[in-house]
Amino acid sequence: MKYLFITLAITFQLLNVAIASTNKQTINIAVTEKGFEPATLKVAPNQEISLAFTRKTDSTCATEIIFPAQKIKKELPLNKAVTINLGILKKGEVSFSCGMNMVNGVINVQ
């Protein structure tokens, strides 16, 4: 009986991990002459969000990405995806920009 309880407990833990891991969303964002594409994102709250930025041009000041509220700053090398894990987001807005704050984007969490 003791082993059955332990087996059930382990099974439920594994199921919880599997369910939690499926609640992750990765969004691809291109950095072009036009800026961030897309520049406005809508996501649901309470899910883990990752953004994958790929700079596709040298004709932009967006050679780095900044998330001020999260204190994240990353270089964006040309033609190489840079993934930023923002974790679980709550309702509201999350802003991001290039290093010069000339190219901007926003995540609407609703």
PDB file of N, CA and C in Angstrom:
ATOM      1  N   MET A   1       0.824  -1.194   0.000  1.00  0.00           N
ATOM      2  CA  MET A   1       0.000   0.000   0.000  1.00  0.00           C
ATOM      3  C   MET A   1       0.869   1.260   0.000  1.00  0.00           C
ATOM      4  N   LYS A   2       1.944   1.212   0.776  1.00  0.00           N
ATOM      5  CA  LYS A   2       2.860   2.348   0.854  1.00  0.00           C
ATOM      6  C   LYS A   2       3.484   2.623  -0.521  1.00  0.00           C
ATOM      7  N   TYR A   3       3.869   1.563  -1.227  1.00  0.00           N
ATOM      8  CA  TYR A   3       4.484   1.726  -2.540  1.00  0.00           C
ATOM      9  C   TYR A   3       3.479   2.247  -3.563  1.00  0.00           C
ATOM     10  N   LEU A   4       2.234   1.841  -3.435  1.00  0.00           N
ATOM     11  CA  LEU A   4       1.193   2.336  -4.324  1.00  0.00           C
ATOM     12  C   LEU A   4       1.018   3.840  -4.145  1.00  0.00           C
ATOM     13  N   PHE A   5       0.994   4.294  -2.897  1.00  0.00           N
ATOM     14  CA  PHE A   5       0.865   5.721  -2.614  1.00  0.00           C
ATOM     15  C   PHE A   5       2.043   6.504  -3.185  1.00  0.00           C
ATOM     16  N   ILE A   6       3.238   6.002  -3.006  1.00  0.00           N
ATOM     17  CA  ILE A   6       4.441   6.674  -3.531  1.00  0.00           C
ATOM     18  C   ILE A   6       4.388   6.723  -5.057  1.00  0.00           C
ATOM     19  N   THR A   7       3.987   5.624  -5.674  1.00  0.00           N
ATOM     20  CA  THR A   7       3.885   5.576  -7.138  1.00  0.00           C
ATOM     21  C   THR A   7       2.850   6.584  -7.636  1.00  0.00           C
ATOM     22  N   LEU A   8       1.711   6.651  -6.982  1.00  0.00           N
ATOM     23  CA  LEU A   8       0.684   7.619  -7.380  1.00  0.00           C
ATOM     24  C   LEU A   8       1.163   9.051  -7.193  1.00  0.00           C
ATOM     25  N   ALA A   9       1.856   9.318  -6.102  1.00  0.00           N
ATOM     26  CA  ALA A   9       2.375  10.664  -5.852  1.00  0.00           C
ATOM     27  C   ALA A   9       3.371  11.083  -6.934  1.00  0.00           C
ATOM     28  N   ILE A  10       4.241  10.185  -7.308  1.00  0.00           N
ATOM     29  CA  ILE A  10       5.227  10.479  -8.347  1.00  0.00           C
ATOM     30  C   ILE A  10       4.527  10.694  -9.695  1.00  0.00           C
ATOM     31  N   THR A  11       3.521   9.880  -9.988  1.00  0.00           N
ATOM     32  CA  THR A  11       2.779  10.015 -11.241  1.00  0.00           C
ATOM     33  C   THR A  11       2.086  11.370 -11.316  1.00  0.00           C
ATOM     34  N   PHE A  12       1.440  11.800 -10.230  1.00  0.00           N
ATOM     35  CA  PHE A  12       0.770  13.101 -10.233  1.00  0.00           C
ATOM     36  C   PHE A  12       1.775  14.239 -10.387  1.00  0.00           C
ATOM     37  N   GLN A  13       2.944  14.125  -9.780  1.00  0.00           N
ATOM     38  CA  GLN A  13       3.976  15.151  -9.938  1.00  0.00           C
ATOM     39  C   GLN A  13       4.416  15.234 -11.400  1.00  0.00           C
ATOM     40  N   LEU A  14       4.622  14.099 -12.034  1.00  0.00           N
ATOM     41  CA  LEU A  14       5.023  14.089 -13.435  1.00  0.00           C
ATOM     42  C   LEU A  14       3.944  14.685 -14.333  1.00  0.00           C
ATOM     43  N   LEU A  15       2.691  14.406 -14.037  1.00  0.00           N
ATOM     44  CA  LEU A  15       1.595  14.983 -14.807  1.00  0.00           C
ATOM     45  C   LEU A  15       1.548  16.493 -14.637  1.00  0.00           C
ATOM     46  N   ASN A  16       1.770  16.994 -13.432  1.00  0.00           N
ATOM     47  CA  ASN A  16       1.783  18.434 -13.195  1.00  0.00           C
ATOM     48  C   ASN A  16       2.909  19.103 -13.965  1.00  0.00           C
ATOM     49  N   VAL A  17       4.069  18.491 -14.006  1.00  0.00           N
ATOM     50  CA  VAL A  17       5.200  19.046 -14.756  1.00  0.00           C
ATOM     51  C   VAL A  17       4.866  19.059 -16.242  1.00  0.00           C
ATOM     52  N   ALA A  18       4.274  17.993 -16.750  1.00  0.00           N
ATOM     53  CA  ALA A  18       3.927  17.919 -18.169  1.00  0.00           C
ATOM     54  C   ALA A  18       2.896  18.980 -18.532  1.00  0.00           C
ATOM     55  N   ILE A  19       1.903  19.178 -17.683  1.00  0.00           N
ATOM     56  CA  ILE A  19       0.882  20.191 -17.942  1.00  0.00           C
ATOM     57  C   ILE A  19       1.503  21.580 -17.891  1.00  0.00           C
ATOM     58  N   ALA A  20       2.332  21.843 -16.914  1.00  0.00           N
ATOM     59  CA  ALA A  20       2.967  23.155 -16.788  1.00  0.00           C
ATOM     60  C   ALA A  20       3.873  23.445 -17.973  1.00  0.00           C
ATOM     61  N   SER A  21       4.573  22.440 -18.470  1.00  0.00           N
ATOM     62  CA  SER A  21       5.508  22.675 -19.560  1.00  0.00           C
ATOM     63  C   SER A  21       4.799  22.953 -20.886  1.00  0.00           C
ATOM     64  N   THR A  22       3.530  22.542 -21.016  1.00  0.00           N
ATOM     65  CA  THR A  22       2.816  22.815 -22.250  1.00  0.00           C
ATOM     66  C   THR A  22       2.238  24.224 -22.255  1.00  0.00           C
ATOM     67  N   ASN A  23       2.330  24.949 -21.157  1.00  0.00           N
ATOM     68  CA  ASN A  23       1.782  26.287 -21.047  1.00  0.00           C
ATOM     69  C   ASN A  23       2.851  27.328 -21.379  1.00  0.00           C
ATOM     70  N   LYS A  24       3.744  27.003 -22.309  1.00  0.00           N
ATOM     71  CA  LYS A  24       4.816  27.903 -22.717  1.00  0.00           C
ATOM     72  C   LYS A  24       4.592  28.317 -24.163  1.00  0.00           C
ATOM     73  N   GLN A  25       4.791  29.612 -24.420  1.00  0.00           N
ATOM     74  CA  GLN A  25       4.596  30.132 -25.765  1.00  0.00           C
ATOM     75  C   GLN A  25       5.862  30.848 -26.209  1.00  0.00           C
ATOM     76  N   THR A  26       6.349  30.509 -27.402  1.00  0.00           N
ATOM     77  CA  THR A  26       7.485  31.198 -27.995  1.00  0.00           C
ATOM     78  C   THR A  26       6.995  31.949 -29.219  1.00  0.00           C
ATOM     79  N   ILE A  27       7.327  33.237 -29.275  1.00  0.00           N
ATOM     80  CA  ILE A  27       6.900  34.096 -30.373  1.00  0.00           C
ATOM     81  C   ILE A  27       8.138  34.582 -31.114  1.00  0.00           C
ATOM     82  N   ASN A  28       8.135  34.432 -32.444  1.00  0.00           N
ATOM     83  CA  ASN A  28       9.244  34.894 -33.275  1.00  0.00           C
ATOM     84  C   ASN A  28       9.011  36.339 -33.687  1.00  0.00           C
ATOM     85  N   ILE A  29      10.055  37.157 -33.549  1.00  0.00           N
ATOM     86  CA  ILE A  29       9.989  38.567 -33.929  1.00  0.00           C
ATOM     87  C   ILE A  29      11.172  38.868 -34.837  1.00  0.00           C
ATOM     88  N   ALA A  30      10.882  39.403 -36.015  1.00  0.00           N
ATOM     89  CA  ALA A  30      11.929  39.813 -36.945  1.00  0.00           C
ATOM     90  C   ALA A  30      12.264  41.282 -36.685  1.00  0.00           C
ATOM     91  N   VAL A  31      13.537  41.615 -36.794  1.00  0.00           N
ATOM     92  CA  VAL A  31      13.981  42.999 -36.695  1.00  0.00           C
ATOM     93  C   VAL A  31      14.405  43.406 -38.104  1.00  0.00           C
ATOM     94  N   THR A  32      13.610  44.304 -38.708  1.00  0.00           N
ATOM     95  CA  THR A  32      13.827  44.708 -40.094  1.00  0.00           C
ATOM     96  C   THR A  32      13.987  46.228 -40.173  1.00  0.00           C
ATOM     97  N   GLU A  33      14.054  46.744 -41.400  1.00  0.00           N
ATOM     98  CA  GLU A  33      14.113  48.193 -41.607  1.00  0.00           C
ATOM     99  C   GLU A  33      12.865  48.881 -41.055  1.00  0.00           C
ATOM    100  N   LYS A  34      11.777  48.139 -40.973  1.00  0.00           N
ATOM    101  CA  LYS A  34      10.509  48.682 -40.454  1.00  0.00           C
ATOM    102  C   LYS A  34      10.444  48.661 -38.933  1.00  0.00           C
ATOM    103  N   GLY A  35      11.349  47.963 -38.282  1.00  0.00           N
ATOM    104  CA  GLY A  35      11.333  47.841 -36.823  1.00  0.00           C
ATOM    105  C   GLY A  35      11.081  46.404 -36.396  1.00  0.00           C
ATOM    106  N   PHE A  36      10.403  46.241 -35.278  1.00  0.00           N
ATOM    107  CA  PHE A  36      10.042  44.909 -34.797  1.00  0.00           C
ATOM    108  C   PHE A  36       8.794  44.454 -35.530  1.00  0.00           C
ATOM    109  N   GLU A  37       8.838  43.234 -36.056  1.00  0.00           N
ATOM    110  CA  GLU A  37       7.684  42.674 -36.759  1.00  0.00           C
ATOM    111  C   GLU A  37       7.341  41.316 -36.187  1.00  0.00           C
ATOM    112  N   PRO A  38       6.254  41.199 -35.442  1.00  0.00           N
ATOM    113  CA  PRO A  38       5.299  42.233 -35.079  1.00  0.00           C
ATOM    114  C   PRO A  38       5.822  43.095 -33.920  1.00  0.00           C
ATOM    115  N   ALA A  39       5.314  44.318 -33.855  1.00  0.00           N
ATOM    116  CA  ALA A  39       5.712  45.243 -32.784  1.00  0.00           C
ATOM    117  C   ALA A  39       4.745  45.191 -31.612  1.00  0.00           C
ATOM    118  N   THR A  40       3.526  44.750 -31.862  1.00  0.00           N
ATOM    119  CA  THR A  40       2.526  44.618 -30.804  1.00  0.00           C
ATOM    120  C   THR A  40       2.106  43.162 -30.716  1.00  0.00           C
ATOM    121  N   LEU A  41       2.219  42.622 -29.511  1.00  0.00           N
ATOM    122  CA  LEU A  41       1.870  41.222 -29.275  1.00  0.00           C
ATOM    123  C   LEU A  41       0.743  41.145 -28.255  1.00  0.00           C
ATOM    124  N   LYS A  42      -0.139  40.188 -28.440  1.00  0.00           N
ATOM    125  CA  LYS A  42      -1.195  39.917 -27.456  1.00  0.00           C
ATOM    126  C   LYS A  42      -1.000  38.497 -26.965  1.00  0.00           C
ATOM    127  N   VAL A  43      -0.888  38.345 -25.640  1.00  0.00           N
ATOM    128  CA  VAL A  43      -0.722  37.020 -25.046  1.00  0.00           C
ATOM    129  C   VAL A  43      -1.659  36.894 -23.849  1.00  0.00           C
ATOM    130  N   ALA A  44      -1.929  35.679 -23.476  1.00  0.00           N
ATOM    131  CA  ALA A  44      -2.759  35.403 -22.310  1.00  0.00           C
ATOM    132  C   ALA A  44      -1.906  35.487 -21.045  1.00  0.00           C
ATOM    133  N   PRO A  45      -2.501  35.888 -19.924  1.00  0.00           N
ATOM    134  CA  PRO A  45      -1.743  35.947 -18.673  1.00  0.00           C
ATOM    135  C   PRO A  45      -1.446  34.552 -18.125  1.00  0.00           C
ATOM    136  N   ASN A  46      -0.526  34.522 -17.194  1.00  0.00           N
ATOM    137  CA  ASN A  46      -0.184  33.305 -16.451  1.00  0.00           C
ATOM    138  C   ASN A  46       0.348  32.173 -17.318  1.00  0.00           C
ATOM    139  N   GLN A  47       1.038  32.530 -18.381  1.00  0.00           N
ATOM    140  CA  GLN A  47       1.738  31.516 -19.150  1.00  0.00           C
ATOM    141  C   GLN A  47       3.154  32.007 -19.395  1.00  0.00           C
ATOM    142  N   GLU A  48       4.053  31.059 -19.538  1.00  0.00           N
ATOM    143  CA  GLU A  48       5.457  31.388 -19.751  1.00  0.00           C
ATOM    144  C   GLU A  48       5.654  31.847 -21.193  1.00  0.00           C
ATOM    145  N   ILE A  49       6.309  32.991 -21.335  1.00  0.00           N
ATOM    146  CA  ILE A  49       6.504  33.593 -22.650  1.00  0.00           C
ATOM    147  C   ILE A  49       7.988  33.704 -22.961  1.00  0.00           C
ATOM    148  N   SER A  50       8.358  33.291 -24.158  1.00  0.00           N
ATOM    149  CA  SER A  50       9.701  33.501 -24.685  1.00  0.00           C
ATOM    150  C   SER A  50       9.561  34.207 -26.022  1.00  0.00           C
ATOM    151  N   LEU A  51      10.465  35.151 -26.275  1.00  0.00           N
ATOM    152  CA  LEU A  51      10.493  35.843 -27.549  1.00  0.00           C
ATOM    153  C   LEU A  51      11.806  35.514 -28.242  1.00  0.00           C
ATOM    154  N   ALA A  52      11.731  35.169 -29.522  1.00  0.00           N
ATOM    155  CA  ALA A  52      12.922  34.868 -30.312  1.00  0.00           C
ATOM    156  C   ALA A  52      13.099  35.983 -31.340  1.00  0.00           C
ATOM    157  N   PHE A  53      14.083  36.848 -31.112  1.00  0.00           N
ATOM    158  CA  PHE A  53      14.371  37.975 -31.999  1.00  0.00           C
ATOM    159  C   PHE A  53      15.426  37.578 -33.017  1.00  0.00           C
ATOM    160  N   THR A  54      15.194  37.912 -34.292  1.00  0.00           N
ATOM    161  CA  THR A  54      16.185  37.701 -35.339  1.00  0.00           C
ATOM    162  C   THR A  54      16.345  39.008 -36.106  1.00  0.00           C
ATOM    163  N   ARG A  55      17.522  39.609 -35.984  1.00  0.00           N
ATOM    164  CA  ARG A  55      17.801  40.841 -36.737  1.00  0.00           C
ATOM    165  C   ARG A  55      18.172  40.456 -38.162  1.00  0.00           C
ATOM    166  N   LYS A  56      17.424  41.005 -39.143  1.00  0.00           N
ATOM    167  CA  LYS A  56      17.592  40.613 -40.536  1.00  0.00           C
ATOM    168  C   LYS A  56      18.206  41.702 -41.404  1.00  0.00           C
ATOM    169  N   THR A  57      18.665  42.792 -40.781  1.00  0.00           N
ATOM    170  CA  THR A  57      19.227  43.897 -41.542  1.00  0.00           C
ATOM    171  C   THR A  57      20.266  44.644 -40.709  1.00  0.00           C
ATOM    172  N   ASP A  58      21.186  45.284 -41.425  1.00  0.00           N
ATOM    173  CA  ASP A  58      22.117  46.210 -40.769  1.00  0.00           C
ATOM    174  C   ASP A  58      21.550  47.627 -40.769  1.00  0.00           C
ATOM    175  N   SER A  59      20.455  47.852 -41.514  1.00  0.00           N
ATOM    176  CA  SER A  59      19.844  49.178 -41.641  1.00  0.00           C
ATOM    177  C   SER A  59      18.849  49.426 -40.513  1.00  0.00           C
ATOM    178  N   THR A  60      19.325  49.307 -39.284  1.00  0.00           N
ATOM    179  CA  THR A  60      18.488  49.544 -38.112  1.00  0.00           C
ATOM    180  C   THR A  60      19.382  49.878 -36.931  1.00  0.00           C
ATOM    181  N   CYS A  61      18.825  50.639 -36.005  1.00  0.00           N
ATOM    182  CA  CYS A  61      19.562  50.892 -34.765  1.00  0.00           C
ATOM    183  C   CYS A  61      19.287  49.789 -33.743  1.00  0.00           C
ATOM    184  N   ALA A  62      18.377  48.882 -34.082  1.00  0.00           N
ATOM    185  CA  ALA A  62      17.988  47.814 -33.157  1.00  0.00           C
ATOM    186  C   ALA A  62      18.997  46.672 -33.191  1.00  0.00           C
ATOM    187  N   THR A  63      20.211  46.960 -32.757  1.00  0.00           N
ATOM    188  CA  THR A  63      21.238  45.925 -32.673  1.00  0.00           C
ATOM    189  C   THR A  63      21.293  45.318 -31.280  1.00  0.00           C
ATOM    190  N   GLU A  64      20.432  45.819 -30.403  1.00  0.00           N
ATOM    191  CA  GLU A  64      20.247  45.218 -29.082  1.00  0.00           C
ATOM    192  C   GLU A  64      18.803  45.421 -28.667  1.00  0.00           C
ATOM    193  N   ILE A  65      18.354  44.601 -27.735  1.00  0.00           N
ATOM    194  CA  ILE A  65      16.980  44.657 -27.242  1.00  0.00           C
ATOM    195  C   ILE A  65      17.012  44.910 -25.748  1.00  0.00           C
ATOM    196  N   ILE A  66      16.096  45.768 -25.295  1.00  0.00           N
ATOM    197  CA  ILE A  66      16.031  46.110 -23.871  1.00  0.00           C
ATOM    198  C   ILE A  66      14.596  45.950 -23.383  1.00  0.00           C
ATOM    199  N   PHE A  67      14.456  45.280 -22.263  1.00  0.00           N
ATOM    200  CA  PHE A  67      13.203  45.190 -21.524  1.00  0.00           C
ATOM    201  C   PHE A  67      13.443  45.916 -20.204  1.00  0.00           C
ATOM    202  N   PRO A  68      13.119  47.207 -20.103  1.00  0.00           N
ATOM    203  CA  PRO A  68      13.483  48.001 -18.922  1.00  0.00           C
ATOM    204  C   PRO A  68      12.933  47.457 -17.605  1.00  0.00           C
ATOM    205  N   ALA A  69      11.659  47.098 -17.567  1.00  0.00           N
ATOM    206  CA  ALA A  69      11.047  46.647 -16.315  1.00  0.00           C
ATOM    207  C   ALA A  69      11.653  45.335 -15.821  1.00  0.00           C
ATOM    208  N   GLN A  70      12.103  44.485 -16.756  1.00  0.00           N
ATOM    209  CA  GLN A  70      12.685  43.201 -16.397  1.00  0.00           C
ATOM    210  C   GLN A  70      14.207  43.276 -16.264  1.00  0.00           C
ATOM    211  N   LYS A  71      14.771  44.447 -16.566  1.00  0.00           N
ATOM    212  CA  LYS A  71      16.222  44.655 -16.514  1.00  0.00           C
ATOM    213  C   LYS A  71      16.970  43.658 -17.406  1.00  0.00           C
ATOM    214  N   ILE A  72      16.434  43.487 -18.612  1.00  0.00           N
ATOM    215  CA  ILE A  72      17.042  42.588 -19.604  1.00  0.00           C
ATOM    216  C   ILE A  72      17.616  43.431 -20.727  1.00  0.00           C
ATOM    217  N   LYS A  73      18.842  43.129 -21.115  1.00  0.00           N
ATOM    218  CA  LYS A  73      19.502  43.797 -22.237  1.00  0.00           C
ATOM    219  C   LYS A  73      20.341  42.752 -22.962  1.00  0.00           C
ATOM    220  N   LYS A  74      20.068  42.570 -24.253  1.00  0.00           N
ATOM    221  CA  LYS A  74      20.781  41.554 -25.044  1.00  0.00           C
ATOM    222  C   LYS A  74      21.169  42.128 -26.404  1.00  0.00           C
ATOM    223  N   GLU A  75      22.326  41.727 -26.879  1.00  0.00           N
ATOM    224  CA  GLU A  75      22.769  42.059 -28.226  1.00  0.00           C
ATOM    225  C   GLU A  75      21.972  41.227 -29.232  1.00  0.00           C
ATOM    226  N   LEU A  76      21.723  41.811 -30.412  1.00  0.00           N
ATOM    227  CA  LEU A  76      21.019  41.111 -31.484  1.00  0.00           C
ATOM    228  C   LEU A  76      21.950  40.996 -32.686  1.00  0.00           C
ATOM    229  N   PRO A  77      22.717  39.921 -32.759  1.00  0.00           N
ATOM    230  CA  PRO A  77      23.611  39.747 -33.913  1.00  0.00           C
ATOM    231  C   PRO A  77      22.795  39.513 -35.182  1.00  0.00           C
ATOM    232  N   LEU A  78      23.381  39.864 -36.301  1.00  0.00           N
ATOM    233  CA  LEU A  78      22.709  39.742 -37.592  1.00  0.00           C
ATOM    234  C   LEU A  78      22.440  38.275 -37.929  1.00  0.00           C
ATOM    235  N   ASN A  79      21.195  38.001 -38.334  1.00  0.00           N
ATOM    236  CA  ASN A  79      20.756  36.676 -38.807  1.00  0.00           C
ATOM    237  C   ASN A  79      20.942  35.548 -37.795  1.00  0.00           C
ATOM    238  N   LYS A  80      20.885  35.877 -36.520  1.00  0.00           N
ATOM    239  CA  LYS A  80      20.994  34.854 -35.481  1.00  0.00           C
ATOM    240  C   LYS A  80      19.881  35.079 -34.462  1.00  0.00           C
ATOM    241  N   ALA A  81      19.093  34.052 -34.213  1.00  0.00           N
ATOM    242  CA  ALA A  81      17.985  34.177 -33.259  1.00  0.00           C
ATOM    243  C   ALA A  81      18.517  34.301 -31.836  1.00  0.00           C
ATOM    244  N   VAL A  82      17.933  35.242 -31.105  1.00  0.00           N
ATOM    245  CA  VAL A  82      18.248  35.437 -29.690  1.00  0.00           C
ATOM    246  C   VAL A  82      16.940  35.263 -28.926  1.00  0.00           C
ATOM    247  N   THR A  83      16.888  34.251 -28.086  1.00  0.00           N
ATOM    248  CA  THR A  83      15.666  33.962 -27.346  1.00  0.00           C
ATOM    249  C   THR A  83      15.748  34.572 -25.957  1.00  0.00           C
ATOM    250  N   ILE A  84      14.687  35.257 -25.585  1.00  0.00           N
ATOM    251  CA  ILE A  84      14.587  35.879 -24.267  1.00  0.00           C
ATOM    252  C   ILE A  84      13.390  35.274 -23.565  1.00  0.00           C
ATOM    253  N   ASN A  85      13.646  34.638 -22.433  1.00  0.00           N
ATOM    254  CA  ASN A  85      12.574  34.046 -21.643  1.00  0.00           C
ATOM    255  C   ASN A  85      12.093  35.091 -20.649  1.00  0.00           C
ATOM    256  N   LEU A  86      10.837  35.492 -20.772  1.00  0.00           N
ATOM    257  CA  LEU A  86      10.259  36.492 -19.875  1.00  0.00           C
ATOM    258  C   LEU A  86       9.555  35.868 -18.687  1.00  0.00           C
ATOM    259  N   GLY A  87       9.462  34.551 -18.682  1.00  0.00           N
ATOM    260  CA  GLY A  87       8.783  33.883 -17.576  1.00  0.00           C
ATOM    261  C   GLY A  87       7.271  34.015 -17.692  1.00  0.00           C
ATOM    262  N   ILE A  88       6.608  33.893 -16.572  1.00  0.00           N
ATOM    263  CA  ILE A  88       5.150  33.970 -16.534  1.00  0.00           C
ATOM    264  C   ILE A  88       4.744  35.429 -16.388  1.00  0.00           C
ATOM    265  N   LEU A  89       3.927  35.896 -17.313  1.00  0.00           N
ATOM    266  CA  LEU A  89       3.512  37.291 -17.322  1.00  0.00           C
ATOM    267  C   LEU A  89       2.117  37.449 -16.737  1.00  0.00           C
ATOM    268  N   LYS A  90       1.931  38.558 -16.021  1.00  0.00           N
ATOM    269  CA  LYS A  90       0.626  38.896 -15.461  1.00  0.00           C
ATOM    270  C   LYS A  90      -0.016  39.958 -16.336  1.00  0.00           C
ATOM    271  N   LYS A  91      -1.301  40.220 -16.124  1.00  0.00           N
ATOM    272  CA  LYS A  91      -2.028  41.197 -16.931  1.00  0.00           C
ATOM    273  C   LYS A  91      -1.329  42.549 -16.897  1.00  0.00           C
ATOM    274  N   GLY A  92      -1.363  43.213 -18.064  1.00  0.00           N
ATOM    275  CA  GLY A  92      -0.745  44.528 -18.193  1.00  0.00           C
ATOM    276  C   GLY A  92       0.064  44.606 -19.474  1.00  0.00           C
ATOM    277  N   GLU A  93       0.986  45.563 -19.495  1.00  0.00           N
ATOM    278  CA  GLU A  93       1.835  45.756 -20.667  1.00  0.00           C
ATOM    279  C   GLU A  93       3.292  45.563 -20.307  1.00  0.00           C
ATOM    280  N   VAL A  94       4.031  44.967 -21.227  1.00  0.00           N
ATOM    281  CA  VAL A  94       5.478  44.816 -21.106  1.00  0.00           C
ATOM    282  C   VAL A  94       6.081  45.500 -22.328  1.00  0.00           C
ATOM    283  N   SER A  95       6.879  46.529 -22.081  1.00  0.00           N
ATOM    284  CA  SER A  95       7.488  47.291 -23.173  1.00  0.00           C
ATOM    285  C   SER A  95       8.896  46.794 -23.447  1.00  0.00           C
ATOM    286  N   PHE A  96       9.302  46.912 -24.726  1.00  0.00           N
ATOM    287  CA  PHE A  96      10.682  46.622 -25.101  1.00  0.00           C
ATOM    288  C   PHE A  96      11.094  47.603 -26.182  1.00  0.00           C
ATOM    289  N   SER A  97      12.394  47.791 -26.337  1.00  0.00           N
ATOM    290  CA  SER A  97      12.885  48.749 -27.325  1.00  0.00           C
ATOM    291  C   SER A  97      14.307  48.405 -27.724  1.00  0.00           C
ATOM    292  N   CYS A  98      14.782  49.142 -28.735  1.00  0.00           N
ATOM    293  CA  CYS A  98      16.191  49.041 -29.085  1.00  0.00           C
ATOM    294  C   CYS A  98      16.986  49.815 -28.035  1.00  0.00           C
ATOM    295  N   GLY A  99      18.291  49.754 -28.108  1.00  0.00           N
ATOM    296  CA  GLY A  99      19.136  50.428 -27.124  1.00  0.00           C
ATOM    297  C   GLY A  99      18.998  51.935 -27.124  1.00  0.00           C
ATOM    298  N   MET A 100      18.603  52.515 -28.257  1.00  0.00           N
ATOM    299  CA  MET A 100      18.447  53.965 -28.365  1.00  0.00           C
ATOM    300  C   MET A 100      17.005  54.405 -28.094  1.00  0.00           C
ATOM    301  N   ASN A 101      16.109  53.465 -27.804  1.00  0.00           N
ATOM    302  CA  ASN A 101      14.693  53.703 -27.541  1.00  0.00           C
ATOM    303  C   ASN A 101      13.992  54.357 -28.739  1.00  0.00           C
ATOM    304  N   MET A 102      14.464  54.059 -29.940  1.00  0.00           N
ATOM    305  CA  MET A 102      13.845  54.602 -31.148  1.00  0.00           C
ATOM    306  C   MET A 102      12.913  53.586 -31.817  1.00  0.00           C
ATOM    307  N   VAL A 103      13.196  52.320 -31.633  1.00  0.00           N
ATOM    308  CA  VAL A 103      12.370  51.234 -32.165  1.00  0.00           C
ATOM    309  C   VAL A 103      11.730  50.571 -30.962  1.00  0.00           C
ATOM    310  N   ASN A 104      10.389  50.546 -30.924  1.00  0.00           N
ATOM    311  CA  ASN A 104       9.686  50.087 -29.734  1.00  0.00           C
ATOM    312  C   ASN A 104       8.689  48.982 -30.053  1.00  0.00           C
ATOM    313  N   GLY A 105       8.377  48.238 -29.012  1.00  0.00           N
ATOM    314  CA  GLY A 105       7.369  47.197 -29.098  1.00  0.00           C
ATOM    315  C   GLY A 105       6.687  47.039 -27.751  1.00  0.00           C
ATOM    316  N   VAL A 106       5.567  46.340 -27.756  1.00  0.00           N
ATOM    317  CA  VAL A 106       4.817  46.133 -26.517  1.00  0.00           C
ATOM    318  C   VAL A 106       4.132  44.768 -26.553  1.00  0.00           C
ATOM    319  N   ILE A 107       4.083  44.163 -25.383  1.00  0.00           N
ATOM    320  CA  ILE A 107       3.333  42.922 -25.194  1.00  0.00           C
ATOM    321  C   ILE A 107       2.131  43.268 -24.350  1.00  0.00           C
ATOM    322  N   ASN A 108       0.935  43.056 -24.896  1.00  0.00           N
ATOM    323  CA  ASN A 108      -0.305  43.259 -24.144  1.00  0.00           C
ATOM    324  C   ASN A 108      -0.705  41.918 -23.551  1.00  0.00           C
ATOM    325  N   VAL A 109      -0.691  41.851 -22.246  1.00  0.00           N
ATOM    326  CA  VAL A 109      -1.065  40.613 -21.555  1.00  0.00           C
ATOM    327  C   VAL A 109      -2.495  40.782 -21.074  1.00  0.00           C
ATOM    328  N   GLN A 110      -3.423  40.036 -21.703  1.00  0.00           N
ATOM    329  CA  GLN A 110      -4.847  40.179 -21.369  1.00  0.00           C
ATOM    330  C   GLN A 110      -5.593  38.882 -21.503  1.00  0.00           C
TER     331      GLN A 110
END
